Amino acid sequence: MENYKEIVNTLLLVCTLVATVTFAASYTVPGGYNSSDTDLGIATMLRDKGFHMFVFCDSIAMYSSVIAAVALIWAQLGDLTLVIIALKLAMPLFGVALSMMSMAFIAGLFLTVNKLPWLGIAVLEMGITFLAMLLVILIPLCIPYTPSNGIYRYISYYVIYLVILATGN
């Protein structure tokens, strides 16, 4: 039970941080706000498709991290079955929150540098590469059961093994 308590506390802290960061990002949007009288307070890039992606990804990240945090708060009550159920709910939502927060960052950064096409493409390529790496690491952690597919088990074993080697533990 003590081990679960540490896991729940750590996830609760990180989910709260993700919710805080995504909440702040929703008010400090890429490009800022219009200061003209007709569109006062409206985002300058409101009609840009990249801005729409930023808003959707940021919103999904915030809502999923808040739901995960609430589930983890319920896990603080101490019942072991409640802790396990909360972790099964919170882990996939936490993975979605991290992925969407990364995608919102990619969209926001692309919006600010897309006047230079080579820099915009470089930002997208780096972002997609690192997002793929994040998903490869997160998917095995978010799936609560050992997969029956041998290929997936083989791939996920070596991904986690490489992470352990990289951290030196």
C-alpha atoms as a PDB file:
ATOM      1  CA  MET A   1       0.000   0.000   0.000  1.00  0.00           C
ATOM      2  CA  GLU A   2       2.868   2.378   0.765  1.00  0.00           C
ATOM      3  CA  ASN A   3       4.294   1.858  -2.733  1.00  0.00           C
ATOM      4  CA  TYR A   4       0.922   2.719  -4.290  1.00  0.00           C
ATOM      5  CA  LYS A   5       0.729   5.840  -2.130  1.00  0.00           C
ATOM      6  CA  GLU A   6       4.032   7.118  -3.546  1.00  0.00           C
ATOM      7  CA  ILE A   7       2.901   6.402  -7.109  1.00  0.00           C
ATOM      8  CA  VAL A   8      -0.413   8.185  -6.544  1.00  0.00           C
ATOM      9  CA  ASN A   9       1.269  11.216  -4.940  1.00  0.00           C
ATOM     10  CA  THR A  10       3.814  11.549  -7.741  1.00  0.00           C
ATOM     11  CA  LEU A  11       1.183  11.217 -10.476  1.00  0.00           C
ATOM     12  CA  LEU A  12      -1.076  13.680  -8.684  1.00  0.00           C
ATOM     13  CA  LEU A  13       1.738  16.225  -8.542  1.00  0.00           C
ATOM     14  CA  VAL A  14       2.609  15.832 -12.228  1.00  0.00           C
ATOM     15  CA  CYS A  15      -1.064  15.890 -13.330  1.00  0.00           C
ATOM     16  CA  THR A  16      -1.529  19.101 -11.366  1.00  0.00           C
ATOM     17  CA  LEU A  17       1.541  20.611 -13.028  1.00  0.00           C
ATOM     18  CA  VAL A  18       0.262  19.646 -16.491  1.00  0.00           C
ATOM     19  CA  ALA A  19      -3.131  21.194 -15.691  1.00  0.00           C
ATOM     20  CA  THR A  20      -1.426  24.380 -14.469  1.00  0.00           C
ATOM     21  CA  VAL A  21       0.802  24.695 -17.533  1.00  0.00           C
ATOM     22  CA  THR A  22      -2.010  24.059 -20.006  1.00  0.00           C
ATOM     23  CA  PHE A  23      -4.278  26.500 -18.157  1.00  0.00           C
ATOM     24  CA  ALA A  24      -1.592  29.184 -18.377  1.00  0.00           C
ATOM     25  CA  ALA A  25      -1.016  28.402 -22.067  1.00  0.00           C
ATOM     26  CA  SER A  26      -4.701  29.007 -22.783  1.00  0.00           C
ATOM     27  CA  TYR A  27      -4.318  32.626 -21.672  1.00  0.00           C
ATOM     28  CA  THR A  28      -0.904  33.288 -23.205  1.00  0.00           C
ATOM     29  CA  VAL A  29      -1.827  32.149 -26.702  1.00  0.00           C
ATOM     30  CA  PRO A  30       0.664  32.242 -29.596  1.00  0.00           C
ATOM     31  CA  GLY A  31       0.614  35.626 -31.309  1.00  0.00           C
ATOM     32  CA  GLY A  32      -1.070  37.360 -28.396  1.00  0.00           C
ATOM     33  CA  TYR A  33      -4.294  39.340 -28.504  1.00  0.00           C
ATOM     34  CA  ASN A  34      -5.598  42.161 -30.710  1.00  0.00           C
ATOM     35  CA  SER A  35      -5.491  45.613 -29.220  1.00  0.00           C
ATOM     36  CA  SER A  36      -7.707  47.335 -31.790  1.00  0.00           C
ATOM     37  CA  ASP A  37     -11.129  48.576 -30.748  1.00  0.00           C
ATOM     38  CA  THR A  38     -13.111  46.230 -32.999  1.00  0.00           C
ATOM     39  CA  ASP A  39     -11.343  43.006 -32.008  1.00  0.00           C
ATOM     40  CA  LEU A  40     -10.135  43.946 -28.547  1.00  0.00           C
ATOM     41  CA  GLY A  41      -9.074  40.844 -26.616  1.00  0.00           C
ATOM     42  CA  ILE A  42      -9.498  38.441 -29.554  1.00  0.00           C
ATOM     43  CA  ALA A  43      -6.544  36.209 -30.441  1.00  0.00           C
ATOM     44  CA  THR A  44      -4.587  37.541 -33.422  1.00  0.00           C
ATOM     45  CA  MET A  45      -4.262  34.089 -35.033  1.00  0.00           C
ATOM     46  CA  LEU A  46      -7.864  33.060 -34.430  1.00  0.00           C
ATOM     47  CA  ARG A  47      -8.522  32.067 -38.060  1.00  0.00           C
ATOM     48  CA  ASP A  48      -5.295  30.066 -38.497  1.00  0.00           C
ATOM     49  CA  LYS A  49      -5.699  26.257 -38.595  1.00  0.00           C
ATOM     50  CA  GLY A  50      -2.549  25.836 -36.498  1.00  0.00           C
ATOM     51  CA  PHE A  51      -4.150  27.975 -33.804  1.00  0.00           C
ATOM     52  CA  HIS A  52      -7.211  25.726 -33.864  1.00  0.00           C
ATOM     53  CA  MET A  53      -4.946  22.719 -33.342  1.00  0.00           C
ATOM     54  CA  PHE A  54      -3.239  24.525 -30.462  1.00  0.00           C
ATOM     55  CA  VAL A  55      -6.584  25.264 -28.793  1.00  0.00           C
ATOM     56  CA  PHE A  56      -7.922  21.716 -29.211  1.00  0.00           C
ATOM     57  CA  CYS A  57      -4.739  20.031 -27.985  1.00  0.00           C
ATOM     58  CA  ASP A  58      -4.325  22.421 -25.069  1.00  0.00           C
ATOM     59  CA  SER A  59      -7.966  21.952 -24.017  1.00  0.00           C
ATOM     60  CA  ILE A  60      -7.796  18.154 -24.224  1.00  0.00           C
ATOM     61  CA  ALA A  61      -4.539  18.157 -22.239  1.00  0.00           C
ATOM     62  CA  MET A  62      -6.013  20.312 -19.504  1.00  0.00           C
ATOM     63  CA  TYR A  63      -9.276  18.421 -19.185  1.00  0.00           C
ATOM     64  CA  SER A  64      -7.661  14.988 -19.184  1.00  0.00           C
ATOM     65  CA  SER A  65      -5.094  16.028 -16.573  1.00  0.00           C
ATOM     66  CA  VAL A  66      -7.820  17.494 -14.367  1.00  0.00           C
ATOM     67  CA  ILE A  67      -9.865  14.283 -14.600  1.00  0.00           C
ATOM     68  CA  ALA A  68      -6.758  12.225 -13.793  1.00  0.00           C
ATOM     69  CA  ALA A  69      -5.969  14.487 -10.834  1.00  0.00           C
ATOM     70  CA  VAL A  70      -9.507  14.143  -9.452  1.00  0.00           C
ATOM     71  CA  ALA A  71      -9.305  10.353  -9.779  1.00  0.00           C
ATOM     72  CA  LEU A  72      -5.973  10.382  -7.955  1.00  0.00           C
ATOM     73  CA  ILE A  73      -7.442  12.553  -5.200  1.00  0.00           C
ATOM     74  CA  TRP A  74     -10.066   9.852  -4.700  1.00  0.00           C
ATOM     75  CA  ALA A  75      -7.231   7.328  -4.464  1.00  0.00           C
ATOM     76  CA  GLN A  76      -5.916   9.233  -1.439  1.00  0.00           C
ATOM     77  CA  LEU A  77      -8.758   7.769   0.637  1.00  0.00           C
ATOM     78  CA  GLY A  78      -6.695   4.668   1.276  1.00  0.00           C
ATOM     79  CA  ASP A  79      -8.810   1.776  -0.019  1.00  0.00           C
ATOM     80  CA  LEU A  80      -6.567  -0.503  -2.105  1.00  0.00           C
ATOM     81  CA  THR A  81      -9.228  -1.360  -4.698  1.00  0.00           C
ATOM     82  CA  LEU A  82     -10.020   2.336  -5.103  1.00  0.00           C
ATOM     83  CA  VAL A  83      -6.314   3.075  -5.591  1.00  0.00           C
ATOM     84  CA  ILE A  84      -6.001   0.429  -8.307  1.00  0.00           C
ATOM     85  CA  ILE A  85      -9.139   1.626 -10.105  1.00  0.00           C
ATOM     86  CA  ALA A  86      -7.959   5.246  -9.903  1.00  0.00           C
ATOM     87  CA  LEU A  87      -4.559   4.316 -11.313  1.00  0.00           C
ATOM     88  CA  LYS A  88      -6.158   2.370 -14.177  1.00  0.00           C
ATOM     89  CA  LEU A  89      -8.197   5.467 -15.017  1.00  0.00           C
ATOM     90  CA  ALA A  90      -5.492   8.062 -14.412  1.00  0.00           C
ATOM     91  CA  MET A  91      -2.583   6.491 -16.304  1.00  0.00           C
ATOM     92  CA  PRO A  92      -4.181   6.555 -19.792  1.00  0.00           C
ATOM     93  CA  LEU A  93      -5.559  10.043 -19.156  1.00  0.00           C
ATOM     94  CA  PHE A  94      -2.120  11.167 -18.036  1.00  0.00           C
ATOM     95  CA  GLY A  95      -0.639   9.759 -21.248  1.00  0.00           C
ATOM     96  CA  VAL A  96      -3.242  11.654 -23.280  1.00  0.00           C
ATOM     97  CA  ALA A  97      -2.488  14.847 -21.342  1.00  0.00           C
ATOM     98  CA  LEU A  98       1.256  14.604 -21.957  1.00  0.00           C
ATOM     99  CA  SER A  99       0.764  13.804 -25.640  1.00  0.00           C
ATOM    100  CA  MET A 100      -1.709  16.628 -26.186  1.00  0.00           C
ATOM    101  CA  MET A 101       0.455  19.088 -24.265  1.00  0.00           C
ATOM    102  CA  SER A 102       3.357  18.165 -26.547  1.00  0.00           C
ATOM    103  CA  MET A 103       1.169  18.605 -29.630  1.00  0.00           C
ATOM    104  CA  ALA A 104      -0.042  21.995 -28.372  1.00  0.00           C
ATOM    105  CA  PHE A 105       3.575  23.039 -27.918  1.00  0.00           C
ATOM    106  CA  ILE A 106       4.415  21.926 -31.456  1.00  0.00           C
ATOM    107  CA  ALA A 107       1.412  23.816 -32.873  1.00  0.00           C
ATOM    108  CA  GLY A 108       2.185  26.979 -30.891  1.00  0.00           C
ATOM    109  CA  LEU A 109       5.846  26.969 -31.836  1.00  0.00           C
ATOM    110  CA  PHE A 110       5.007  26.288 -35.499  1.00  0.00           C
ATOM    111  CA  LEU A 111       2.609  29.249 -35.486  1.00  0.00           C
ATOM    112  CA  THR A 112       5.296  31.597 -34.245  1.00  0.00           C
ATOM    113  CA  VAL A 113       8.033  30.529 -36.705  1.00  0.00           C
ATOM    114  CA  ASN A 114       6.112  29.548 -39.859  1.00  0.00           C
ATOM    115  CA  LYS A 115       7.103  32.744 -41.715  1.00  0.00           C
ATOM    116  CA  LEU A 116      10.425  30.950 -42.324  1.00  0.00           C
ATOM    117  CA  PRO A 117       9.342  27.741 -44.075  1.00  0.00           C
ATOM    118  CA  TRP A 118      12.545  25.797 -43.335  1.00  0.00           C
ATOM    119  CA  LEU A 119      12.267  26.597 -39.621  1.00  0.00           C
ATOM    120  CA  GLY A 120       8.592  25.644 -39.540  1.00  0.00           C
ATOM    121  CA  ILE A 121       9.346  22.305 -41.195  1.00  0.00           C
ATOM    122  CA  ALA A 122      12.245  21.687 -38.794  1.00  0.00           C
ATOM    123  CA  VAL A 123       9.985  22.400 -35.809  1.00  0.00           C
ATOM    124  CA  LEU A 124       7.348  19.985 -37.135  1.00  0.00           C
ATOM    125  CA  GLU A 125       9.887  17.244 -37.846  1.00  0.00           C
ATOM    126  CA  MET A 126      11.488  17.539 -34.400  1.00  0.00           C
ATOM    127  CA  GLY A 127       8.114  17.681 -32.703  1.00  0.00           C
ATOM    128  CA  ILE A 128       6.726  14.646 -34.525  1.00  0.00           C
ATOM    129  CA  THR A 129       9.916  12.674 -33.828  1.00  0.00           C
ATOM    130  CA  PHE A 130       9.866  13.426 -30.122  1.00  0.00           C
ATOM    131  CA  LEU A 131       6.107  12.874 -29.914  1.00  0.00           C
ATOM    132  CA  ALA A 132       6.568   9.425 -31.470  1.00  0.00           C
ATOM    133  CA  MET A 133       9.304   8.661 -28.937  1.00  0.00           C
ATOM    134  CA  LEU A 134       7.051   9.838 -26.117  1.00  0.00           C
ATOM    135  CA  LEU A 135       4.222   7.612 -27.304  1.00  0.00           C
ATOM    136  CA  VAL A 136       6.518   4.588 -27.596  1.00  0.00           C
ATOM    137  CA  ILE A 137       7.526   5.107 -23.969  1.00  0.00           C
ATOM    138  CA  LEU A 138       4.059   5.987 -22.638  1.00  0.00           C
ATOM    139  CA  ILE A 139       1.920   3.321 -24.300  1.00  0.00           C
ATOM    140  CA  PRO A 140       3.427   0.380 -22.367  1.00  0.00           C
ATOM    141  CA  LEU A 141       3.088   2.337 -19.125  1.00  0.00           C
ATOM    142  CA  CYS A 142      -0.559   3.198 -19.752  1.00  0.00           C
ATOM    143  CA  ILE A 143      -1.671  -0.316 -20.612  1.00  0.00           C
ATOM    144  CA  PRO A 144      -2.382  -2.019 -17.281  1.00  0.00           C
ATOM    145  CA  TYR A 145      -2.054  -5.605 -18.491  1.00  0.00           C
ATOM    146  CA  THR A 146       0.760  -7.500 -20.163  1.00  0.00           C
ATOM    147  CA  PRO A 147      -0.040  -7.736 -23.859  1.00  0.00           C
ATOM    148  CA  SER A 148      -0.543 -11.174 -25.340  1.00  0.00           C
ATOM    149  CA  ASN A 149       1.008 -10.100 -28.634  1.00  0.00           C
ATOM    150  CA  GLY A 150       4.627 -11.290 -28.565  1.00  0.00           C
ATOM    151  CA  ILE A 151       5.917  -8.627 -30.954  1.00  0.00           C
ATOM    152  CA  TYR A 152       4.475  -5.791 -28.890  1.00  0.00           C
ATOM    153  CA  ARG A 153       5.818  -7.334 -25.684  1.00  0.00           C
ATOM    154  CA  TYR A 154       9.257  -7.676 -27.292  1.00  0.00           C
ATOM    155  CA  ILE A 155       9.289  -4.046 -28.481  1.00  0.00           C
ATOM    156  CA  SER A 156       7.976  -2.601 -25.210  1.00  0.00           C
ATOM    157  CA  TYR A 157      10.503  -4.617 -23.180  1.00  0.00           C
ATOM    158  CA  TYR A 158      13.443  -3.137 -25.050  1.00  0.00           C
ATOM    159  CA  VAL A 159      12.047   0.389 -24.991  1.00  0.00           C
ATOM    160  CA  ILE A 160      11.707   0.274 -21.209  1.00  0.00           C
ATOM    161  CA  TYR A 161      15.100  -1.464 -20.935  1.00  0.00           C
ATOM    162  CA  LEU A 162      16.720   1.377 -22.920  1.00  0.00           C
ATOM    163  CA  VAL A 163      15.085   3.954 -20.654  1.00  0.00           C
ATOM    164  CA  ILE A 164      16.459   2.155 -17.596  1.00  0.00           C
ATOM    165  CA  LEU A 165      19.930   2.015 -19.166  1.00  0.00           C
ATOM    166  CA  ALA A 166      19.774   5.698 -20.072  1.00  0.00           C
ATOM    167  CA  THR A 167      18.913   6.706 -16.520  1.00  0.00           C
ATOM    168  CA  GLY A 168      21.692   4.561 -15.091  1.00  0.00           C
ATOM    169  CA  ASN A 169      19.520   2.559 -12.682  1.00  0.00           C
END
